[in-house]
C-alpha cells in the first residue's frame, strides 16, 4: 500500500517537530554536563540549526538512494 502525498507531508512535519524537540531537550540536559551553559533562546536557535542540517542531510541521502535505485 502506498502512502498518499498528504500523509507523506504529515509524516515529514511530525518527524521535524520530534527531531527539533529531541535536539532542544538533549541540549538542555547534556550541555551542562560538559560545562556549557546556554539560555533557552540559544538552545532553541541551535535546535533550529540542527533541524535544518538534518532536513538537508535526509533529503540528500534520499535523493542519492533514489538515484542508485534508478540505475538498477
PDB file of N, CA and C in Angstrom:
ATOM      1  N   UNK A   1       0.841  -1.176   0.000  1.00  0.00           N
ATOM      2  CA  UNK A   1       0.000   0.000   0.000  1.00  0.00           C
ATOM      3  C   UNK A   1       0.889   1.243   0.000  1.00  0.00           C
ATOM      4  N   UNK A   2       0.596   2.163  -0.864  1.00  0.00           N
ATOM      5  CA  UNK A   2       1.385   3.391  -0.992  1.00  0.00           C
ATOM      6  C   UNK A   2       0.874   4.463  -0.038  1.00  0.00           C
ATOM      7  N   UNK A   3       1.776   5.328   0.336  1.00  0.00           N
ATOM      8  CA  UNK A   3       1.415   6.437   1.215  1.00  0.00           C
ATOM      9  C   UNK A   3       0.989   7.622   0.349  1.00  0.00           C
ATOM     10  N   UNK A   4      -0.087   8.283   0.733  1.00  0.00           N
ATOM     11  CA  UNK A   4      -0.543   9.450  -0.021  1.00  0.00           C
ATOM     12  C   UNK A   4       0.432  10.612   0.188  1.00  0.00           C
ATOM     13  N   UNK A   5       0.364  11.575  -0.706  1.00  0.00           N
ATOM     14  CA  UNK A   5       1.238  12.760  -0.575  1.00  0.00           C
ATOM     15  C   UNK A   5       0.932  13.518   0.710  1.00  0.00           C
ATOM     16  N   UNK A   6      -0.343  13.599   1.050  1.00  0.00           N
ATOM     17  CA  UNK A   6      -0.724  14.298   2.284  1.00  0.00           C
ATOM     18  C   UNK A   6      -0.122  13.604   3.505  1.00  0.00           C
ATOM     19  N   UNK A   7      -0.210  12.287   3.541  1.00  0.00           N
ATOM     20  CA  UNK A   7       0.348  11.563   4.682  1.00  0.00           C
ATOM     21  C   UNK A   7       1.875  11.635   4.699  1.00  0.00           C
ATOM     22  N   UNK A   8       2.503  11.701   3.531  1.00  0.00           N
ATOM     23  CA  UNK A   8       3.952  11.901   3.476  1.00  0.00           C
ATOM     24  C   UNK A   8       4.320  13.253   4.079  1.00  0.00           C
ATOM     25  N   UNK A   9       3.523  14.280   3.776  1.00  0.00           N
ATOM     26  CA  UNK A   9       3.756  15.606   4.341  1.00  0.00           C
ATOM     27  C   UNK A   9       3.558  15.584   5.848  1.00  0.00           C
ATOM     28  N   UNK A  10       2.489  14.953   6.305  1.00  0.00           N
ATOM     29  CA  UNK A  10       2.216  14.853   7.742  1.00  0.00           C
ATOM     30  C   UNK A  10       3.371  14.137   8.449  1.00  0.00           C
ATOM     31  N   UNK A  11       3.854  13.039   7.849  1.00  0.00           N
ATOM     32  CA  UNK A  11       4.970  12.302   8.446  1.00  0.00           C
ATOM     33  C   UNK A  11       6.226  13.168   8.516  1.00  0.00           C
ATOM     34  N   UNK A  12       6.514  13.901   7.455  1.00  0.00           N
ATOM     35  CA  UNK A  12       7.697  14.757   7.422  1.00  0.00           C
ATOM     36  C   UNK A  12       7.629  15.859   8.476  1.00  0.00           C
ATOM     37  N   UNK A  13       6.475  16.485   8.601  1.00  0.00           N
ATOM     38  CA  UNK A  13       6.305  17.553   9.597  1.00  0.00           C
ATOM     39  C   UNK A  13       6.415  16.983  11.010  1.00  0.00           C
ATOM     40  N   UNK A  14       5.794  15.834  11.247  1.00  0.00           N
ATOM     41  CA  UNK A  14       5.888  15.196  12.568  1.00  0.00           C
ATOM     42  C   UNK A  14       7.335  14.840  12.887  1.00  0.00           C
ATOM     43  N   UNK A  15       8.057  14.321  11.897  1.00  0.00           N
ATOM     44  CA  UNK A  15       9.459  13.973  12.092  1.00  0.00           C
ATOM     45  C   UNK A  15      10.286  15.212  12.432  1.00  0.00           C
ATOM     46  N   UNK A  16      10.010  16.313  11.764  1.00  0.00           N
ATOM     47  CA  UNK A  16      10.730  17.550  12.018  1.00  0.00           C
ATOM     48  C   UNK A  16      10.445  18.072  13.432  1.00  0.00           C
ATOM     49  N   UNK A  17       9.194  18.049  13.849  1.00  0.00           N
ATOM     50  CA  UNK A  17       8.821  18.528  15.182  1.00  0.00           C
ATOM     51  C   UNK A  17       9.464  17.659  16.268  1.00  0.00           C
ATOM     52  N   UNK A  18       9.401  16.352  16.088  1.00  0.00           N
ATOM     53  CA  UNK A  18      10.004  15.441  17.072  1.00  0.00           C
ATOM     54  C   UNK A  18      11.522  15.636  17.106  1.00  0.00           C
ATOM     55  N   UNK A  19      12.153  15.737  15.929  1.00  0.00           N
ATOM     56  CA  UNK A  19      13.600  15.935  15.867  1.00  0.00           C
ATOM     57  C   UNK A  19      14.033  17.222  16.548  1.00  0.00           C
ATOM     58  N   UNK A  20      13.311  18.295  16.295  1.00  0.00           N
ATOM     59  CA  UNK A  20      13.618  19.587  16.917  1.00  0.00           C
ATOM     60  C   UNK A  20      13.471  19.495  18.433  1.00  0.00           C
ATOM     61  N   UNK A  21      12.399  18.885  18.878  1.00  0.00           N
ATOM     62  CA  UNK A  21      12.154  18.753  20.322  1.00  0.00           C
ATOM     63  C   UNK A  21      13.236  17.916  20.994  1.00  0.00           C
ATOM     64  N   UNK A  22      13.607  16.814  20.365  1.00  0.00           N
ATOM     65  CA  UNK A  22      14.659  15.956  20.922  1.00  0.00           C
ATOM     66  C   UNK A  22      15.985  16.710  20.978  1.00  0.00           C
ATOM     67  N   UNK A  23      16.302  17.467  19.934  1.00  0.00           N
ATOM     68  CA  UNK A  23      17.549  18.236  19.917  1.00  0.00           C
ATOM     69  C   UNK A  23      17.591  19.238  21.064  1.00  0.00           C
ATOM     70  N   UNK A  24      16.519  19.988  21.251  1.00  0.00           N
ATOM     71  CA  UNK A  24      16.490  21.021  22.298  1.00  0.00           C
ATOM     72  C   UNK A  24      16.566  20.395  23.692  1.00  0.00           C
ATOM     73  N   UNK A  25      15.770  19.374  23.926  1.00  0.00           N
ATOM     74  CA  UNK A  25      15.779  18.725  25.244  1.00  0.00           C
ATOM     75  C   UNK A  25      17.144  18.102  25.527  1.00  0.00           C
ATOM     76  N   UNK A  26      17.738  17.469  24.519  1.00  0.00           N
ATOM     77  CA  UNK A  26      19.065  16.867  24.695  1.00  0.00           C
ATOM     78  C   UNK A  26      20.096  17.928  25.038  1.00  0.00           C
ATOM     79  N   UNK A  27      20.056  19.059  24.349  1.00  0.00           N
ATOM     80  CA  UNK A  27      20.986  20.147  24.643  1.00  0.00           C
ATOM     81  C   UNK A  27      20.811  20.642  26.079  1.00  0.00           C
ATOM     82  N   UNK A  28      19.578  20.828  26.492  1.00  0.00           N
ATOM     83  CA  UNK A  28      19.308  21.331  27.842  1.00  0.00           C
ATOM     84  C   UNK A  28      19.863  20.360  28.889  1.00  0.00           C
ATOM     85  N   UNK A  29      19.755  19.060  28.626  1.00  0.00           N
ATOM     86  CA  UNK A  29      20.209  18.055  29.587  1.00  0.00           C
ATOM     87  C   UNK A  29      21.713  17.793  29.519  1.00  0.00           C
ATOM     88  N   UNK A  30      22.285  17.805  28.327  1.00  0.00           N
ATOM     89  CA  UNK A  30      23.672  17.382  28.149  1.00  0.00           C
ATOM     90  C   UNK A  30      24.683  18.529  28.249  1.00  0.00           C
ATOM     91  N   UNK A  31      24.371  19.684  27.730  1.00  0.00           N
ATOM     92  CA  UNK A  31      25.333  20.783  27.728  1.00  0.00           C
ATOM     93  C   UNK A  31      25.906  21.076  29.112  1.00  0.00           C
ATOM     94  N   UNK A  32      25.089  21.156  30.174  1.00  0.00           N
ATOM     95  CA  UNK A  32      25.659  21.448  31.498  1.00  0.00           C
ATOM     96  C   UNK A  32      26.664  20.386  31.965  1.00  0.00           C
ATOM     97  N   UNK A  33      26.502  19.160  31.548  1.00  0.00           N
ATOM     98  CA  UNK A  33      27.451  18.110  31.925  1.00  0.00           C
ATOM     99  C   UNK A  33      28.843  18.437  31.398  1.00  0.00           C
ATOM    100  N   UNK A  34      28.907  19.111  30.257  1.00  0.00           N
ATOM    101  CA  UNK A  34      30.177  19.480  29.649  1.00  0.00           C
ATOM    102  C   UNK A  34      30.575  20.924  29.968  1.00  0.00           C
ATOM    103  N   UNK A  35      29.895  21.529  30.923  1.00  0.00           N
ATOM    104  CA  UNK A  35      30.235  22.881  31.339  1.00  0.00           C
ATOM    105  C   UNK A  35      29.738  23.963  30.392  1.00  0.00           C
ATOM    106  N   UNK A  36      28.810  23.627  29.516  1.00  0.00           N
ATOM    107  CA  UNK A  36      28.248  24.616  28.598  1.00  0.00           C
ATOM    108  C   UNK A  36      26.919  25.107  29.160  1.00  0.00           C
ATOM    109  N   UNK A  37      26.832  26.396  29.383  1.00  0.00           N
ATOM    110  CA  UNK A  37      25.614  26.966  29.958  1.00  0.00           C
ATOM    111  C   UNK A  37      24.998  27.928  28.943  1.00  0.00           C
ATOM    112  N   UNK A  38      23.830  27.565  28.451  1.00  0.00           N
ATOM    113  CA  UNK A  38      23.158  28.353  27.421  1.00  0.00           C
ATOM    114  C   UNK A  38      21.759  28.725  27.895  1.00  0.00           C
ATOM    115  N   UNK A  39      21.247  29.778  27.299  1.00  0.00           N
ATOM    116  CA  UNK A  39      19.879  30.191  27.612  1.00  0.00           C
ATOM    117  C   UNK A  39      18.902  29.343  26.798  1.00  0.00           C
ATOM    118  N   UNK A  40      17.650  29.403  27.175  1.00  0.00           N
ATOM    119  CA  UNK A  40      16.624  28.689  26.418  1.00  0.00           C
ATOM    120  C   UNK A  40      16.582  29.196  24.982  1.00  0.00           C
ATOM    121  N   UNK A  41      16.700  30.498  24.794  1.00  0.00           N
ATOM    122  CA  UNK A  41      16.681  31.074  23.443  1.00  0.00           C
ATOM    123  C   UNK A  41      17.838  30.526  22.607  1.00  0.00           C
ATOM    124  N   UNK A  42      19.016  30.413  23.211  1.00  0.00           N
ATOM    125  CA  UNK A  42      20.160  29.862  22.489  1.00  0.00           C
ATOM    126  C   UNK A  42      19.916  28.391  22.122  1.00  0.00           C
ATOM    127  N   UNK A  43      19.346  27.633  23.053  1.00  0.00           N
ATOM    128  CA  UNK A  43      19.045  26.230  22.779  1.00  0.00           C
ATOM    129  C   UNK A  43      18.026  26.100  21.652  1.00  0.00           C
ATOM    130  N   UNK A  44      17.028  26.965  21.638  1.00  0.00           N
ATOM    131  CA  UNK A  44      16.017  26.929  20.580  1.00  0.00           C
ATOM    132  C   UNK A  44      16.633  27.251  19.215  1.00  0.00           C
ATOM    133  N   UNK A  45      17.539  28.239  19.189  1.00  0.00           N
ATOM    134  CA  UNK A  45      18.207  28.597  17.928  1.00  0.00           C
ATOM    135  C   UNK A  45      19.109  27.471  17.451  1.00  0.00           C
ATOM    136  N   UNK A  46      19.883  26.886  18.359  1.00  0.00           N
ATOM    137  CA  UNK A  46      20.757  25.777  17.971  1.00  0.00           C
ATOM    138  C   UNK A  46      19.940  24.580  17.506  1.00  0.00           C
ATOM    139  N   UNK A  47      18.828  24.318  18.172  1.00  0.00           N
ATOM    140  CA  UNK A  47      17.941  23.238  17.753  1.00  0.00           C
ATOM    141  C   UNK A  47      17.433  23.464  16.338  1.00  0.00           C
ATOM    142  N   UNK A  48      17.122  24.721  16.020  1.00  0.00           N
ATOM    143  CA  UNK A  48      16.654  25.049  14.667  1.00  0.00           C
ATOM    144  C   UNK A  48      17.750  24.789  13.637  1.00  0.00           C
ATOM    145  N   UNK A  49      18.984  25.170  13.961  1.00  0.00           N
ATOM    146  CA  UNK A  49      20.104  24.924  13.047  1.00  0.00           C
ATOM    147  C   UNK A  49      20.287  23.427  12.830  1.00  0.00           C
ATOM    148  N   UNK A  50      20.295  22.654  13.920  1.00  0.00           N
ATOM    149  CA  UNK A  50      20.457  21.208  13.799  1.00  0.00           C
ATOM    150  C   UNK A  50      19.312  20.585  12.995  1.00  0.00           C
ATOM    151  N   UNK A  51      18.108  21.111  13.151  1.00  0.00           N
ATOM    152  CA  UNK A  51      16.961  20.595  12.412  1.00  0.00           C
ATOM    153  C   UNK A  51      17.112  20.858  10.924  1.00  0.00           C
ATOM    154  N   UNK A  52      17.544  22.056  10.548  1.00  0.00           N
ATOM    155  CA  UNK A  52      17.754  22.378   9.130  1.00  0.00           C
ATOM    156  C   UNK A  52      18.844  21.479   8.544  1.00  0.00           C
ATOM    157  N   UNK A  53      19.933  21.297   9.271  1.00  0.00           N
ATOM    158  CA  UNK A  53      21.009  20.421   8.803  1.00  0.00           C
ATOM    159  C   UNK A  53      20.481  18.996   8.620  1.00  0.00           C
ATOM    160  N   UNK A  54      19.677  18.536   9.543  1.00  0.00           N
ATOM    161  CA  UNK A  54      19.111  17.192   9.459  1.00  0.00           C
ATOM    162  C   UNK A  54      18.192  17.041   8.247  1.00  0.00           C
ATOM    163  N   UNK A  55      17.389  18.047   7.964  1.00  0.00           N
ATOM    164  CA  UNK A  55      16.493  18.004   6.809  1.00  0.00           C
ATOM    165  C   UNK A  55      17.306  17.939   5.516  1.00  0.00           C
ATOM    166  N   UNK A  56      18.336  18.760   5.411  1.00  0.00           N
ATOM    167  CA  UNK A  56      19.187  18.759   4.217  1.00  0.00           C
ATOM    168  C   UNK A  56      19.878  17.407   4.061  1.00  0.00           C
ATOM    169  N   UNK A  57      20.417  16.869   5.150  1.00  0.00           N
ATOM    170  CA  UNK A  57      21.088  15.563   5.119  1.00  0.00           C
ATOM    171  C   UNK A  57      20.124  14.473   4.680  1.00  0.00           C
ATOM    172  N   UNK A  58      18.958  14.455   5.274  1.00  0.00           N
ATOM    173  CA  UNK A  58      17.965  13.441   4.951  1.00  0.00           C
ATOM    174  C   UNK A  58      17.543  13.526   3.486  1.00  0.00           C
ATOM    175  N   UNK A  59      17.334  14.728   2.994  1.00  0.00           N
ATOM    176  CA  UNK A  59      16.945  14.923   1.599  1.00  0.00           C
ATOM    177  C   UNK A  59      18.045  14.441   0.666  1.00  0.00           C
ATOM    178  N   UNK A  60      19.298  14.825   0.958  1.00  0.00           N
ATOM    179  CA  UNK A  60      20.420  14.432   0.102  1.00  0.00           C
ATOM    180  C   UNK A  60      20.571  12.910   0.064  1.00  0.00           C
ATOM    181  N   UNK A  61      20.483  12.265   1.215  1.00  0.00           N
ATOM    182  CA  UNK A  61      20.588  10.807   1.247  1.00  0.00           C
ATOM    183  C   UNK A  61      19.442  10.144   0.490  1.00  0.00           C
ATOM    184  N   UNK A  62      18.247  10.661   0.661  1.00  0.00           N
ATOM    185  CA  UNK A  62      17.089  10.095  -0.033  1.00  0.00           C
ATOM    186  C   UNK A  62      17.270  10.199  -1.543  1.00  0.00           C
ATOM    187  N   UNK A  63      17.758  11.344  -2.020  1.00  0.00           N
ATOM    188  CA  UNK A  63      17.975  11.523  -3.461  1.00  0.00           C
ATOM    189  C   UNK A  63      19.093  10.607  -3.956  1.00  0.00           C
ATOM    190  N   UNK A  64      20.158  10.417  -3.170  1.00  0.00           N
ATOM    191  CA  UNK A  64      21.249   9.505  -3.561  1.00  0.00           C
ATOM    192  C   UNK A  64      20.727   8.079  -3.683  1.00  0.00           C
ATOM    193  N   UNK A  65      19.984   7.623  -2.714  1.00  0.00           N
ATOM    194  CA  UNK A  65      19.448   6.267  -2.762  1.00  0.00           C
ATOM    195  C   UNK A  65      18.445   6.103  -3.900  1.00  0.00           C
ATOM    196  N   UNK A  66      17.674   7.148  -4.164  1.00  0.00           N
ATOM    197  CA  UNK A  66      16.732   7.092  -5.279  1.00  0.00           C
ATOM    198  C   UNK A  66      17.492   6.999  -6.597  1.00  0.00           C
ATOM    199  N   UNK A  67      18.597   7.731  -6.714  1.00  0.00           N
ATOM    200  CA  UNK A  67      19.416   7.660  -7.919  1.00  0.00           C
ATOM    201  C   UNK A  67      20.016   6.268  -8.104  1.00  0.00           C
ATOM    202  N   UNK A  68      20.481   5.669  -6.997  1.00  0.00           N
ATOM    203  CA  UNK A  68      21.033   4.314  -7.068  1.00  0.00           C
ATOM    204  C   UNK A  68      19.954   3.321  -7.469  1.00  0.00           C
ATOM    205  N   UNK A  69      18.765   3.492  -6.952  1.00  0.00           N
ATOM    206  CA  UNK A  69      17.660   2.600  -7.277  1.00  0.00           C
ATOM    207  C   UNK A  69      17.297   2.707  -8.744  1.00  0.00           C
ATOM    208  N   UNK A  70      17.386   3.919  -9.286  1.00  0.00           N
ATOM    209  CA  UNK A  70      17.063   4.145 -10.691  1.00  0.00           C
ATOM    210  C   UNK A  70      18.059   3.504 -11.644  1.00  0.00           C
ATOM    211  N   UNK A  71      19.298   3.305 -11.191  1.00  0.00           N
ATOM    212  CA  UNK A  71      20.333   2.702 -12.035  1.00  0.00           C
ATOM    213  C   UNK A  71      20.216   1.181 -12.083  1.00  0.00           C
ATOM    214  N   UNK A  72      19.451   0.594 -11.190  1.00  0.00           N
ATOM    215  CA  UNK A  72      19.346  -0.867 -11.152  1.00  0.00           C
ATOM    216  C   UNK A  72      18.385  -1.387 -12.178  1.00  0.00           C
TER     217      UNK A  72
END
